[in-house]
N, C-alpha and C. Protein backbone atom coordinates (compact mmCIF):
# COMPACT_ATOMS: atom_id res chain seq x y z
N CYS A 1 -49.14 -49.76 52.92
CA CYS A 1 -49.60 -48.72 51.98
C CYS A 1 -48.50 -47.68 51.73
N LYS A 2 -47.71 -47.35 52.73
CA LYS A 2 -46.70 -46.41 52.62
C LYS A 2 -45.59 -46.92 51.62
N ASN A 3 -45.42 -48.23 51.60
CA ASN A 3 -44.40 -48.83 50.79
C ASN A 3 -44.66 -48.70 49.24
N TYR A 4 -46.06 -48.48 48.90
CA TYR A 4 -46.38 -48.52 47.50
C TYR A 4 -47.00 -47.21 47.02
N LYS A 5 -47.68 -46.45 47.81
CA LYS A 5 -48.32 -45.31 47.32
C LYS A 5 -47.25 -44.26 46.92
N GLY A 6 -47.23 -43.99 45.65
CA GLY A 6 -46.30 -43.00 45.10
C GLY A 6 -44.92 -43.47 44.89
N ASN A 7 -44.68 -44.69 45.14
CA ASN A 7 -43.35 -45.32 45.01
C ASN A 7 -42.89 -45.43 43.58
N THR A 8 -41.83 -44.83 43.20
CA THR A 8 -41.29 -44.90 41.88
C THR A 8 -39.99 -45.76 41.74
N LYS A 9 -39.57 -46.46 42.79
CA LYS A 9 -38.32 -47.22 42.84
C LYS A 9 -38.45 -48.31 41.81
N GLU A 10 -39.66 -48.94 41.72
CA GLU A 10 -39.87 -50.12 40.84
C GLU A 10 -40.42 -49.85 39.50
N ALA A 11 -40.32 -48.60 39.07
CA ALA A 11 -40.89 -48.16 37.76
C ALA A 11 -40.39 -49.01 36.52
N ASP A 12 -39.06 -49.26 36.62
CA ASP A 12 -38.45 -50.05 35.55
C ASP A 12 -38.98 -51.48 35.52
N ILE A 13 -39.17 -52.06 36.67
CA ILE A 13 -39.67 -53.41 36.80
C ILE A 13 -41.15 -53.44 36.24
N ALA A 14 -41.98 -52.46 36.68
CA ALA A 14 -43.34 -52.38 36.32
C ALA A 14 -43.45 -52.26 34.70
N LYS A 15 -42.54 -51.55 34.18
CA LYS A 15 -42.52 -51.38 32.63
C LYS A 15 -42.22 -52.74 31.98
N VAL A 16 -41.13 -53.35 32.51
CA VAL A 16 -40.74 -54.69 31.91
C VAL A 16 -41.84 -55.67 32.06
N MET A 17 -42.52 -55.69 33.18
CA MET A 17 -43.54 -56.71 33.43
C MET A 17 -44.85 -56.32 32.63
N GLY A 18 -44.98 -55.26 31.93
CA GLY A 18 -45.98 -54.90 31.14
C GLY A 18 -47.15 -54.16 31.83
N PHE A 19 -46.95 -53.59 32.87
CA PHE A 19 -48.03 -52.80 33.51
C PHE A 19 -48.22 -51.50 32.75
N GLU A 20 -49.37 -50.96 32.68
CA GLU A 20 -49.67 -49.73 31.96
C GLU A 20 -49.05 -48.52 32.72
N SER A 21 -48.91 -48.64 33.98
CA SER A 21 -48.36 -47.45 34.73
C SER A 21 -47.67 -48.02 35.93
N ASN A 22 -46.88 -47.17 36.52
CA ASN A 22 -46.21 -47.54 37.78
C ASN A 22 -47.32 -47.52 38.94
N ASP A 23 -48.35 -46.70 38.80
CA ASP A 23 -49.41 -46.77 39.85
C ASP A 23 -50.10 -48.09 39.77
N GLU A 24 -50.34 -48.66 38.64
CA GLU A 24 -51.05 -50.01 38.55
C GLU A 24 -50.12 -51.06 39.19
N TYR A 25 -48.88 -51.03 38.97
CA TYR A 25 -47.91 -51.90 39.60
C TYR A 25 -48.00 -51.79 41.09
N ASN A 26 -47.95 -50.58 41.58
CA ASN A 26 -48.03 -50.38 43.06
C ASN A 26 -49.35 -50.88 43.67
N GLU A 27 -50.41 -50.71 42.94
CA GLU A 27 -51.72 -51.20 43.48
C GLU A 27 -51.66 -52.76 43.51
N ILE A 28 -51.29 -53.34 42.49
CA ILE A 28 -51.17 -54.84 42.52
C ILE A 28 -50.25 -55.40 43.59
N MET A 29 -49.08 -54.72 43.79
CA MET A 29 -48.22 -55.25 44.79
C MET A 29 -48.79 -54.95 46.23
N PHE A 30 -49.50 -53.89 46.43
CA PHE A 30 -50.14 -53.63 47.71
C PHE A 30 -51.22 -54.69 47.98
N LEU A 31 -52.07 -54.99 46.96
CA LEU A 31 -53.22 -55.99 47.10
C LEU A 31 -52.51 -57.36 47.44
N ARG A 32 -51.40 -57.69 46.72
CA ARG A 32 -50.69 -58.83 47.01
C ARG A 32 -50.25 -59.06 48.49
N GLU A 33 -49.78 -57.86 49.01
CA GLU A 33 -49.30 -57.91 50.36
C GLU A 33 -50.42 -58.07 51.44
N ILE A 34 -51.60 -57.55 51.00
CA ILE A 34 -52.69 -57.60 52.13
C ILE A 34 -53.65 -58.73 51.91
N THR A 35 -53.59 -59.50 50.78
CA THR A 35 -54.49 -60.57 50.53
C THR A 35 -54.50 -61.62 51.64
N HIS A 36 -53.38 -62.05 52.09
CA HIS A 36 -53.25 -63.08 53.17
C HIS A 36 -54.03 -62.62 54.39
N THR A 37 -53.79 -61.38 54.83
CA THR A 37 -54.40 -60.84 56.04
C THR A 37 -56.00 -60.80 55.82
N VAL A 38 -56.43 -60.27 54.65
CA VAL A 38 -57.83 -60.20 54.37
C VAL A 38 -58.51 -61.56 54.47
N ASN A 39 -57.83 -62.58 53.82
CA ASN A 39 -58.34 -63.91 53.86
C ASN A 39 -58.36 -64.45 55.28
N ALA A 40 -57.42 -64.21 56.07
CA ALA A 40 -57.43 -64.66 57.57
C ALA A 40 -58.58 -63.98 58.22
N PHE A 41 -58.89 -62.70 58.04
CA PHE A 41 -60.00 -62.08 58.68
C PHE A 41 -61.31 -62.64 58.24
N ASN A 42 -61.41 -62.94 56.90
CA ASN A 42 -62.64 -63.57 56.43
C ASN A 42 -62.82 -65.03 57.09
N ASP A 43 -61.77 -65.72 57.20
CA ASP A 43 -61.87 -67.04 57.92
C ASP A 43 -62.35 -66.92 59.31
N MET A 44 -61.76 -65.99 59.99
CA MET A 44 -62.17 -65.81 61.42
C MET A 44 -63.64 -65.35 61.50
N ALA A 45 -64.05 -64.48 60.56
CA ALA A 45 -65.52 -64.13 60.63
C ALA A 45 -66.41 -65.21 60.34
N ASP A 46 -66.01 -66.19 59.49
CA ASP A 46 -66.85 -67.43 59.21
C ASP A 46 -66.89 -68.21 60.46
N ILE A 47 -65.78 -68.30 61.16
CA ILE A 47 -65.78 -69.07 62.41
C ILE A 47 -66.64 -68.44 63.48
N VAL A 48 -66.65 -67.16 63.62
CA VAL A 48 -67.38 -66.52 64.58
C VAL A 48 -68.99 -66.78 64.22
N ARG A 49 -69.36 -66.58 63.08
CA ARG A 49 -70.68 -66.82 62.62
C ARG A 49 -71.08 -68.33 62.82
N LEU A 50 -70.16 -69.23 62.60
CA LEU A 50 -70.48 -70.65 62.77
C LEU A 50 -70.61 -71.03 64.29
N TYR A 51 -69.95 -70.37 65.12
CA TYR A 51 -69.86 -70.77 66.54
C TYR A 51 -71.22 -70.94 67.18
N SER A 52 -72.15 -69.98 66.93
CA SER A 52 -73.40 -70.13 67.64
C SER A 52 -74.28 -71.27 67.16
N LYS A 53 -74.04 -71.73 65.99
CA LYS A 53 -74.70 -72.88 65.37
C LYS A 53 -74.15 -74.19 65.69
N LYS A 54 -72.79 -74.21 65.54
CA LYS A 54 -72.06 -75.53 65.58
C LYS A 54 -70.75 -75.23 66.30
N PRO A 55 -70.70 -75.05 67.57
CA PRO A 55 -69.48 -74.69 68.37
C PRO A 55 -68.35 -75.70 68.15
N GLU A 56 -68.70 -76.97 68.03
CA GLU A 56 -67.56 -78.00 67.91
C GLU A 56 -66.94 -77.79 66.53
N THR A 57 -67.69 -77.61 65.49
CA THR A 57 -67.18 -77.41 64.18
C THR A 57 -66.31 -76.11 64.10
N ALA A 58 -66.85 -75.06 64.68
CA ALA A 58 -66.14 -73.84 64.76
C ALA A 58 -64.78 -73.93 65.51
N GLU A 59 -64.85 -74.70 66.57
CA GLU A 59 -63.54 -74.89 67.34
C GLU A 59 -62.51 -75.64 66.43
N GLN A 60 -63.06 -76.63 65.69
CA GLN A 60 -62.10 -77.41 64.83
C GLN A 60 -61.55 -76.51 63.66
N ARG A 61 -62.43 -75.65 63.11
CA ARG A 61 -61.92 -74.77 62.03
C ARG A 61 -60.84 -73.75 62.62
N LEU A 62 -61.16 -73.34 63.80
CA LEU A 62 -60.20 -72.39 64.43
C LEU A 62 -58.84 -73.05 64.64
N ALA A 63 -58.89 -74.33 65.14
CA ALA A 63 -57.70 -75.14 65.40
C ALA A 63 -56.96 -75.36 64.14
N ASN A 64 -57.76 -75.61 63.06
CA ASN A 64 -57.06 -75.79 61.65
C ASN A 64 -56.43 -74.47 61.22
N LEU A 65 -57.14 -73.37 61.38
CA LEU A 65 -56.54 -72.10 60.93
C LEU A 65 -55.30 -71.77 61.71
N LEU A 66 -55.32 -72.00 63.05
CA LEU A 66 -54.15 -71.71 63.84
C LEU A 66 -53.00 -72.62 63.50
N SER A 67 -53.28 -73.96 63.17
CA SER A 67 -52.17 -74.74 62.78
C SER A 67 -51.54 -74.34 61.44
N GLU A 68 -52.37 -73.81 60.52
CA GLU A 68 -51.78 -73.25 59.30
C GLU A 68 -50.88 -72.09 59.61
N VAL A 69 -51.25 -71.26 60.48
CA VAL A 69 -50.41 -70.05 60.87
C VAL A 69 -49.10 -70.55 61.52
N MET A 70 -49.24 -71.48 62.47
CA MET A 70 -48.12 -72.07 63.10
C MET A 70 -47.11 -72.70 62.10
N TYR A 71 -47.64 -73.39 61.11
CA TYR A 71 -46.83 -74.12 60.15
C TYR A 71 -46.16 -73.08 59.14
N GLU A 72 -46.86 -72.01 58.84
CA GLU A 72 -46.24 -70.97 57.98
C GLU A 72 -45.14 -70.29 58.79
N ASP A 73 -45.37 -70.00 60.06
CA ASP A 73 -44.29 -69.40 60.86
C ASP A 73 -43.07 -70.26 60.92
N SER A 74 -43.27 -71.55 61.11
CA SER A 74 -42.07 -72.43 61.24
C SER A 74 -41.30 -72.60 59.93
N GLU A 75 -41.97 -72.46 58.74
CA GLU A 75 -41.36 -72.50 57.46
C GLU A 75 -40.38 -71.33 57.22
N SER A 76 -40.79 -70.18 57.75
CA SER A 76 -39.96 -68.96 57.55
C SER A 76 -38.68 -68.87 58.36
N VAL A 77 -38.53 -69.80 59.22
CA VAL A 77 -37.39 -69.70 60.11
C VAL A 77 -36.22 -70.46 59.59
């Protein structure tokens, strides 16, 4: 949030990209940064809800989620 709230460093980029204001650009960039984390939290919440009904399915979904994280980490190296 600190990286984008009130940031004017990218005002020229925001203008070129067609944003109505620098604040709109900052908001979009902030949302872009946190979307991956929010999606991961939603996936984990789904797994927790599923666990009481179908523990084997929940364990498989958790394993799949963790393997995606491990794959993404290995790509960035």
